[in-house]
Amino acid sequence: MSRYLMLLHENPAHFATMSPAELQAIVEEYMQWSDRLRKEGRLLQGEKLRDEGGKHLKTQGTQLLVSDGPYAEVKDVVGGFFILSADSYDAAVALARTCPHLRHGEVELRAIDDA
């Protein structure tokens, strides 16, 4: 079995106008989806990330530069992640296709290098 990282890309403004009841319904959808995959042994880990964008680190010469991210013109953030277990990319895509996040943003699916 291979492992796959699902990065959940979203625009936080999409959720800003939703009522608490609407947000709770979305959370429950994610919980049902993740519980099902966990019971099947297909979901290894998953976490919601804060919408604040985190820190971006890079070096310039010997100096470490730390900045807030994402930049102001970027509206997309990584809102969370899941690590899936699947036999192939096609099988991972089939699992990702059922994720409720596709109604609220985009999913980036990457194979984890287990070498």
N, C-alpha and C. Protein backbone atom coordinates (compact mmCIF):
# COMPACT_ATOMS: atom_id res chain seq x y z
N MET A 1 0.84 -1.19 0.00
CA MET A 1 0.00 0.00 0.00
C MET A 1 0.88 1.25 0.00
N SER A 2 0.51 2.20 -0.79
CA SER A 2 1.21 3.48 -0.85
C SER A 2 0.44 4.51 -0.05
N ARG A 3 1.15 5.57 0.33
CA ARG A 3 0.52 6.67 1.05
C ARG A 3 0.42 7.89 0.13
N TYR A 4 -0.67 8.62 0.29
CA TYR A 4 -0.93 9.81 -0.52
C TYR A 4 -1.34 10.96 0.38
N LEU A 5 -0.80 12.14 0.09
CA LEU A 5 -1.13 13.35 0.82
C LEU A 5 -2.19 14.11 0.04
N MET A 6 -3.30 14.40 0.70
CA MET A 6 -4.35 15.24 0.14
C MET A 6 -4.25 16.60 0.80
N LEU A 7 -3.89 17.63 0.03
CA LEU A 7 -3.86 18.99 0.54
C LEU A 7 -5.18 19.66 0.16
N LEU A 8 -5.84 20.25 1.13
CA LEU A 8 -7.13 20.89 0.90
C LEU A 8 -6.93 22.38 0.70
N HIS A 9 -7.08 22.84 -0.52
CA HIS A 9 -6.95 24.26 -0.85
C HIS A 9 -8.33 24.90 -0.77
N GLU A 10 -8.37 26.09 -0.19
CA GLU A 10 -9.65 26.77 -0.05
C GLU A 10 -9.46 28.28 0.05
N ASN A 11 -10.54 28.98 -0.19
CA ASN A 11 -10.60 30.42 0.02
C ASN A 11 -11.42 30.63 1.29
N PRO A 12 -10.81 31.10 2.38
CA PRO A 12 -11.56 31.27 3.63
C PRO A 12 -12.80 32.15 3.49
N ALA A 13 -12.82 33.04 2.52
CA ALA A 13 -13.98 33.90 2.31
C ALA A 13 -15.22 33.08 1.94
N HIS A 14 -15.00 31.90 1.35
CA HIS A 14 -16.11 31.01 0.97
C HIS A 14 -16.95 30.66 2.19
N PHE A 15 -16.32 30.50 3.33
CA PHE A 15 -17.01 30.08 4.55
C PHE A 15 -17.47 31.26 5.41
N ALA A 16 -16.98 32.46 5.13
CA ALA A 16 -17.22 33.63 5.99
C ALA A 16 -18.68 34.02 6.11
N THR A 17 -19.48 33.77 5.09
CA THR A 17 -20.87 34.19 5.11
C THR A 17 -21.82 33.08 5.57
N MET A 18 -21.27 31.93 5.91
CA MET A 18 -22.12 30.81 6.31
C MET A 18 -22.54 30.95 7.77
N SER A 19 -23.73 30.45 8.05
CA SER A 19 -24.24 30.47 9.43
C SER A 19 -23.54 29.39 10.24
N PRO A 20 -23.59 29.50 11.56
CA PRO A 20 -23.01 28.45 12.40
C PRO A 20 -23.61 27.06 12.09
N ALA A 21 -24.90 27.01 11.81
CA ALA A 21 -25.54 25.73 11.49
C ALA A 21 -24.98 25.16 10.17
N GLU A 22 -24.77 26.01 9.18
CA GLU A 22 -24.19 25.56 7.91
C GLU A 22 -22.77 25.05 8.11
N LEU A 23 -21.99 25.77 8.89
CA LEU A 23 -20.61 25.35 9.16
C LEU A 23 -20.59 24.03 9.91
N GLN A 24 -21.49 23.87 10.88
CA GLN A 24 -21.55 22.61 11.64
C GLN A 24 -21.93 21.45 10.72
N ALA A 25 -22.83 21.68 9.80
CA ALA A 25 -23.22 20.62 8.85
C ALA A 25 -22.03 20.20 7.99
N ILE A 26 -21.21 21.15 7.58
CA ILE A 26 -20.01 20.84 6.80
C ILE A 26 -19.02 20.04 7.64
N VAL A 27 -18.81 20.45 8.88
CA VAL A 27 -17.91 19.72 9.78
C VAL A 27 -18.38 18.28 9.94
N GLU A 28 -19.68 18.09 10.11
CA GLU A 28 -20.23 16.74 10.27
C GLU A 28 -20.01 15.90 9.02
N GLU A 29 -20.12 16.51 7.84
CA GLU A 29 -19.83 15.78 6.59
C GLU A 29 -18.39 15.28 6.57
N TYR A 30 -17.45 16.15 6.93
CA TYR A 30 -16.04 15.77 6.97
C TYR A 30 -15.82 14.65 7.98
N MET A 31 -16.48 14.75 9.14
CA MET A 31 -16.31 13.73 10.18
C MET A 31 -16.85 12.37 9.71
N GLN A 32 -18.00 12.37 9.07
CA GLN A 32 -18.56 11.11 8.55
C GLN A 32 -17.64 10.51 7.49
N TRP A 33 -17.16 11.35 6.58
CA TRP A 33 -16.26 10.89 5.52
C TRP A 33 -14.98 10.31 6.12
N SER A 34 -14.36 11.06 7.04
CA SER A 34 -13.10 10.60 7.61
C SER A 34 -13.30 9.37 8.49
N ASP A 35 -14.39 9.29 9.24
CA ASP A 35 -14.66 8.10 10.05
C ASP A 35 -14.79 6.86 9.18
N ARG A 36 -15.50 6.98 8.06
CA ARG A 36 -15.68 5.85 7.16
C ARG A 36 -14.33 5.37 6.61
N LEU A 37 -13.51 6.32 6.13
CA LEU A 37 -12.21 5.93 5.58
C LEU A 37 -11.28 5.37 6.65
N ARG A 38 -11.36 5.90 7.86
CA ARG A 38 -10.53 5.40 8.96
C ARG A 38 -10.90 3.95 9.27
N LYS A 39 -12.20 3.65 9.32
CA LYS A 39 -12.66 2.28 9.59
C LYS A 39 -12.23 1.31 8.50
N GLU A 40 -12.14 1.81 7.26
CA GLU A 40 -11.68 0.99 6.13
C GLU A 40 -10.16 0.85 6.09
N GLY A 41 -9.46 1.55 6.98
CA GLY A 41 -8.00 1.51 6.98
C GLY A 41 -7.38 2.36 5.88
N ARG A 42 -8.15 3.27 5.31
CA ARG A 42 -7.68 4.11 4.20
C ARG A 42 -7.23 5.49 4.64
N LEU A 43 -7.67 5.95 5.81
CA LEU A 43 -7.28 7.26 6.31
C LEU A 43 -6.30 7.06 7.45
N LEU A 44 -5.09 7.54 7.26
CA LEU A 44 -4.04 7.38 8.26
C LEU A 44 -3.95 8.57 9.19
N GLN A 45 -4.23 9.77 8.67
CA GLN A 45 -4.14 10.99 9.47
C GLN A 45 -4.86 12.11 8.74
N GLY A 46 -5.31 13.09 9.49
CA GLY A 46 -5.92 14.27 8.91
C GLY A 46 -6.02 15.38 9.94
N GLU A 47 -5.85 16.59 9.50
CA GLU A 47 -5.91 17.74 10.40
C GLU A 47 -6.44 18.96 9.66
N LYS A 48 -7.19 19.79 10.36
CA LYS A 48 -7.60 21.10 9.88
C LYS A 48 -6.50 22.08 10.26
N LEU A 49 -6.11 22.92 9.33
CA LEU A 49 -5.10 23.94 9.61
C LEU A 49 -5.78 25.30 9.81
N ARG A 50 -5.13 26.17 10.52
CA ARG A 50 -5.66 27.53 10.70
C ARG A 50 -5.63 28.28 9.38
N ASP A 51 -6.58 29.18 9.20
CA ASP A 51 -6.69 29.94 7.95
C ASP A 51 -5.65 31.05 7.83
N GLU A 52 -4.84 31.28 8.84
CA GLU A 52 -3.94 32.43 8.87
C GLU A 52 -2.76 32.34 7.90
N GLY A 53 -2.54 31.21 7.27
CA GLY A 53 -1.53 31.15 6.22
C GLY A 53 -0.15 30.71 6.64
N GLY A 54 0.14 30.71 7.94
CA GLY A 54 1.42 30.20 8.42
C GLY A 54 2.60 31.11 8.14
N LYS A 55 3.75 30.55 8.21
CA LYS A 55 5.01 31.25 7.97
C LYS A 55 5.71 30.62 6.76
N HIS A 56 6.33 31.45 5.97
CA HIS A 56 7.10 31.01 4.81
C HIS A 56 8.57 31.27 5.12
N LEU A 57 9.38 30.24 4.99
CA LEU A 57 10.80 30.34 5.29
C LEU A 57 11.62 30.13 4.04
N LYS A 58 12.65 30.93 3.88
CA LYS A 58 13.61 30.74 2.79
C LYS A 58 14.93 31.35 3.22
N THR A 59 15.98 30.91 2.56
CA THR A 59 17.29 31.48 2.87
C THR A 59 17.71 32.42 1.76
N GLN A 60 18.40 33.45 2.16
CA GLN A 60 19.00 34.38 1.22
C GLN A 60 20.46 34.49 1.66
N GLY A 61 21.33 33.81 0.92
CA GLY A 61 22.72 33.70 1.35
C GLY A 61 22.76 32.84 2.60
N THR A 62 23.24 33.40 3.68
CA THR A 62 23.28 32.66 4.94
C THR A 62 22.18 33.11 5.90
N GLN A 63 21.32 34.02 5.46
CA GLN A 63 20.28 34.57 6.32
C GLN A 63 18.96 33.85 6.09
N LEU A 64 18.28 33.54 7.18
CA LEU A 64 16.94 32.95 7.10
C LEU A 64 15.92 34.07 7.08
N LEU A 65 15.04 34.07 6.09
CA LEU A 65 13.96 35.05 5.99
C LEU A 65 12.65 34.36 6.33
N VAL A 66 11.91 34.93 7.25
CA VAL A 66 10.63 34.39 7.67
C VAL A 66 9.58 35.45 7.40
N SER A 67 8.54 35.07 6.64
CA SER A 67 7.48 36.03 6.34
C SER A 67 6.12 35.38 6.58
N ASP A 68 5.12 36.22 6.76
CA ASP A 68 3.76 35.73 6.88
C ASP A 68 3.28 35.30 5.50
N GLY A 69 2.41 34.34 5.47
CA GLY A 69 1.88 33.89 4.19
C GLY A 69 0.42 33.52 4.36
N PRO A 70 -0.30 33.34 3.29
CA PRO A 70 0.15 33.66 1.95
C PRO A 70 0.16 35.16 1.73
N TYR A 71 0.69 35.58 0.62
CA TYR A 71 0.76 37.00 0.31
C TYR A 71 -0.63 37.57 0.10
N ALA A 72 -0.78 38.87 0.25
CA ALA A 72 -2.08 39.53 0.23
C ALA A 72 -2.87 39.25 -1.05
N GLU A 73 -2.19 39.12 -2.18
CA GLU A 73 -2.92 38.90 -3.43
C GLU A 73 -3.38 37.46 -3.60
N VAL A 74 -2.91 36.58 -2.73
CA VAL A 74 -3.30 35.16 -2.81
C VAL A 74 -4.50 34.95 -1.91
N LYS A 75 -5.56 34.39 -2.47
CA LYS A 75 -6.75 34.15 -1.69
C LYS A 75 -6.86 32.68 -1.26
N ASP A 76 -6.06 31.83 -1.83
CA ASP A 76 -6.11 30.39 -1.57
C ASP A 76 -5.15 30.04 -0.43
N VAL A 77 -5.62 29.24 0.52
CA VAL A 77 -4.77 28.74 1.58
C VAL A 77 -4.91 27.23 1.64
N VAL A 78 -3.93 26.57 2.22
CA VAL A 78 -4.07 25.15 2.51
C VAL A 78 -4.80 25.07 3.84
N GLY A 79 -6.03 24.58 3.80
CA GLY A 79 -6.88 24.57 4.97
C GLY A 79 -6.79 23.31 5.80
N GLY A 80 -6.17 22.29 5.26
CA GLY A 80 -6.04 21.03 5.99
C GLY A 80 -5.39 19.99 5.12
N PHE A 81 -5.23 18.80 5.70
CA PHE A 81 -4.64 17.71 4.95
C PHE A 81 -5.16 16.37 5.46
N PHE A 82 -5.08 15.38 4.60
CA PHE A 82 -5.34 13.99 4.95
C PHE A 82 -4.22 13.15 4.37
N ILE A 83 -3.86 12.09 5.04
CA ILE A 83 -2.94 11.11 4.49
C ILE A 83 -3.73 9.83 4.29
N LEU A 84 -3.77 9.39 3.03
CA LEU A 84 -4.55 8.23 2.64
C LEU A 84 -3.64 7.04 2.34
N SER A 85 -4.19 5.86 2.47
CA SER A 85 -3.51 4.63 2.08
C SER A 85 -4.29 4.05 0.91
N ALA A 86 -3.59 3.80 -0.20
CA ALA A 86 -4.25 3.28 -1.40
C ALA A 86 -3.26 2.46 -2.21
N ASP A 87 -3.80 1.57 -3.06
CA ASP A 87 -2.96 0.70 -3.89
C ASP A 87 -2.32 1.42 -5.06
N SER A 88 -2.92 2.53 -5.50
CA SER A 88 -2.43 3.24 -6.69
C SER A 88 -2.96 4.67 -6.68
N TYR A 89 -2.42 5.49 -7.60
CA TYR A 89 -2.94 6.85 -7.75
C TYR A 89 -4.43 6.81 -8.08
N ASP A 90 -4.82 5.89 -8.98
CA ASP A 90 -6.23 5.80 -9.35
C ASP A 90 -7.11 5.50 -8.14
N ALA A 91 -6.64 4.60 -7.28
CA ALA A 91 -7.40 4.27 -6.07
C ALA A 91 -7.44 5.47 -5.13
N ALA A 92 -6.34 6.22 -5.02
CA ALA A 92 -6.31 7.41 -4.17
C ALA A 92 -7.25 8.48 -4.72
N VAL A 93 -7.28 8.63 -6.05
CA VAL A 93 -8.20 9.59 -6.67
C VAL A 93 -9.65 9.19 -6.38
N ALA A 94 -9.94 7.90 -6.43
CA ALA A 94 -11.30 7.43 -6.14
C ALA A 94 -11.69 7.77 -4.70
N LEU A 95 -10.75 7.66 -3.76
CA LEU A 95 -11.04 8.04 -2.37
C LEU A 95 -11.21 9.55 -2.25
N ALA A 96 -10.31 10.30 -2.87
CA ALA A 96 -10.36 11.76 -2.79
C ALA A 96 -11.62 12.31 -3.43
N ARG A 97 -12.10 11.66 -4.46
CA ARG A 97 -13.30 12.10 -5.18
C ARG A 97 -14.52 12.18 -4.25
N THR A 98 -14.52 11.37 -3.19
CA THR A 98 -15.66 11.35 -2.28
C THR A 98 -15.54 12.38 -1.15
N CYS A 99 -14.45 13.12 -1.10
CA CYS A 99 -14.20 14.09 -0.03
C CYS A 99 -15.16 15.28 -0.16
N PRO A 100 -15.81 15.66 0.93
CA PRO A 100 -16.73 16.81 0.89
C PRO A 100 -16.04 18.11 0.49
N HIS A 101 -14.73 18.17 0.64
CA HIS A 101 -14.01 19.42 0.36
C HIS A 101 -14.15 19.86 -1.10
N LEU A 102 -14.38 18.95 -1.99
CA LEU A 102 -14.48 19.31 -3.41
C LEU A 102 -15.66 20.24 -3.70
N ARG A 103 -16.60 20.33 -2.76
CA ARG A 103 -17.71 21.29 -2.91
C ARG A 103 -17.34 22.67 -2.39
N HIS A 104 -16.17 22.78 -1.74
CA HIS A 104 -15.79 24.04 -1.10
C HIS A 104 -14.42 24.56 -1.55
N GLY A 105 -13.69 23.77 -2.29
CA GLY A 105 -12.35 24.16 -2.70
C GLY A 105 -11.76 23.10 -3.63
N GLU A 106 -10.45 23.04 -3.65
CA GLU A 106 -9.76 22.09 -4.51
C GLU A 106 -8.91 21.15 -3.66
N VAL A 107 -8.61 19.99 -4.22
CA VAL A 107 -7.77 19.01 -3.55
C VAL A 107 -6.53 18.76 -4.41
N GLU A 108 -5.39 18.82 -3.77
CA GLU A 108 -4.13 18.45 -4.42
C GLU A 108 -3.73 17.08 -3.85
N LEU A 109 -3.48 16.13 -4.72
CA LEU A 109 -3.16 14.76 -4.31
C LEU A 109 -1.72 14.45 -4.71
N ARG A 110 -0.91 14.08 -3.73
CA ARG A 110 0.50 13.82 -3.98
C ARG A 110 0.89 12.47 -3.37
N ALA A 111 1.67 11.69 -4.12
CA ALA A 111 2.20 10.43 -3.59
C ALA A 111 3.32 10.75 -2.60
N ILE A 112 3.35 10.05 -1.49
CA ILE A 112 4.42 10.20 -0.52
C ILE A 112 5.55 9.24 -0.90
N ASP A 113 6.75 9.75 -0.96
CA ASP A 113 7.91 8.95 -1.33
C ASP A 113 8.35 8.14 -0.12
N ASP A 114 8.07 6.85 -0.15
CA ASP A 114 8.42 5.97 0.97
C ASP A 114 9.80 5.36 0.81
N ALA A 115 10.58 5.87 -0.13
CA ALA A 115 11.93 5.29 -0.36
C ALA A 115 12.86 5.58 0.78
